[in-house]
C-alpha atoms as a PDB file:
ATOM      1  CA  MET A   1      81.984 144.662 116.799  1.00  0.00           C
ATOM      2  CA  SER A   2      79.807 142.072 115.138  1.00  0.00           C
ATOM      3  CA  ASN A   3      76.818 140.472 116.801  1.00  0.00           C
ATOM      4  CA  ASP A   4      78.475 137.064 116.409  1.00  0.00           C
ATOM      5  CA  ALA A   5      81.572 138.266 118.259  1.00  0.00           C
ATOM      6  CA  CYS A   6      79.385 139.678 121.033  1.00  0.00           C
ATOM      7  CA  LEU A   7      77.578 136.355 121.397  1.00  0.00           C
ATOM      8  CA  GLY A   8      80.910 134.532 121.334  1.00  0.00           C
ATOM      9  CA  TYR A   9      82.154 136.602 124.275  1.00  0.00           C
ATOM     10  CA  ILE A  10      78.968 135.850 126.186  1.00  0.00           C
ATOM     11  CA  ILE A  11      79.162 132.120 125.484  1.00  0.00           C
ATOM     12  CA  SER A  12      82.822 131.996 126.476  1.00  0.00           C
ATOM     13  CA  ALA A  13      82.190 133.844 129.751  1.00  0.00           C
ATOM     14  CA  LEU A  14      79.219 131.694 130.694  1.00  0.00           C
ATOM     15  CA  ARG A  15      81.099 128.474 129.931  1.00  0.00           C
ATOM     16  CA  ARG A  16      83.981 129.703 132.077  1.00  0.00           C
ATOM     17  CA  GLN A  17      81.469 130.225 134.902  1.00  0.00           C
ATOM     18  CA  GLY A  18      80.204 126.648 134.528  1.00  0.00           C
ATOM     19  CA  TRP A  19      76.791 127.420 133.030  1.00  0.00           C
ATOM     20  CA  GLU A  20      74.926 124.558 131.356  1.00  0.00           C
ATOM     21  CA  ASN A  21      74.371 124.584 127.578  1.00  0.00           C
ATOM     22  CA  GLU A  22      70.604 125.074 127.912  1.00  0.00           C
ATOM     23  CA  GLU A  23      71.139 128.107 130.155  1.00  0.00           C
ATOM     24  CA  ILE A  24      73.637 129.547 127.679  1.00  0.00           C
ATOM     25  CA  LYS A  25      71.178 129.039 124.811  1.00  0.00           C
ATOM     26  CA  GLU A  26      68.484 130.892 126.759  1.00  0.00           C
ATOM     27  CA  VAL A  27      70.780 133.853 127.403  1.00  0.00           C
ATOM     28  CA  THR A  28      72.128 134.025 123.858  1.00  0.00           C
ATOM     29  CA  ARG A  29      68.579 133.879 122.433  1.00  0.00           C
ATOM     30  CA  ALA A  30      67.580 136.770 124.692  1.00  0.00           C
ATOM     31  CA  VAL A  31      70.619 138.810 123.646  1.00  0.00           C
ATOM     32  CA  TYR A  32      70.074 137.993 119.968  1.00  0.00           C
ATOM     33  CA  PHE A  33      66.480 139.246 120.318  1.00  0.00           C
ATOM     34  CA  GLU A  34      67.790 142.550 121.743  1.00  0.00           C
ATOM     35  CA  PHE A  35      69.962 143.120 118.656  1.00  0.00           C
ATOM     36  CA  ASP A  36      66.745 143.907 116.775  1.00  0.00           C
ATOM     37  CA  PHE A  37      65.515 146.431 119.326  1.00  0.00           C
ATOM     38  CA  LYS A  38      68.618 148.302 120.506  1.00  0.00           C
ATOM     39  CA  THR A  39      71.173 150.277 118.562  1.00  0.00           C
ATOM     40  CA  VAL A  40      74.844 149.948 119.447  1.00  0.00           C
ATOM     41  CA  SER A  41      74.667 153.401 121.032  1.00  0.00           C
ATOM     42  CA  GLU A  42      71.692 152.379 123.165  1.00  0.00           C
ATOM     43  CA  ALA A  43      73.470 149.227 124.299  1.00  0.00           C
ATOM     44  CA  GLU A  44      76.583 151.235 125.195  1.00  0.00           C
ATOM     45  CA  GLU A  45      74.435 153.597 127.266  1.00  0.00           C
ATOM     46  CA  ILE A  46      72.838 150.681 129.108  1.00  0.00           C
ATOM     47  CA  TYR A  47      76.295 149.257 129.818  1.00  0.00           C
ATOM     48  CA  ALA A  48      77.537 152.640 131.057  1.00  0.00           C
ATOM     49  CA  GLN A  49      74.613 152.809 133.507  1.00  0.00           C
ATOM     50  CA  ARG A  50      75.145 149.325 134.965  1.00  0.00           C
ATOM     51  CA  ASN A  51      75.169 148.847 138.699  1.00  0.00           C
ATOM     52  CA  ASP A  52      78.408 147.105 139.601  1.00  0.00           C
END
C-alpha cells in the first residue's frame, strides 16, 4: 500500500468522525513523519499489538 493511500484512509476516517481540518493536518503530519522511521513490517507489528 502506498503512503498516500494510507494517509487517504486516515483523512477519510477522521472526516467521517467530524474532526476539524487543522486536527486532521496535525495527525497526517505525525503519520507522515513516522513513514521515515518505521518499516512496513514494524508498522504492522505495532498494529498487531494494539489495545482494542
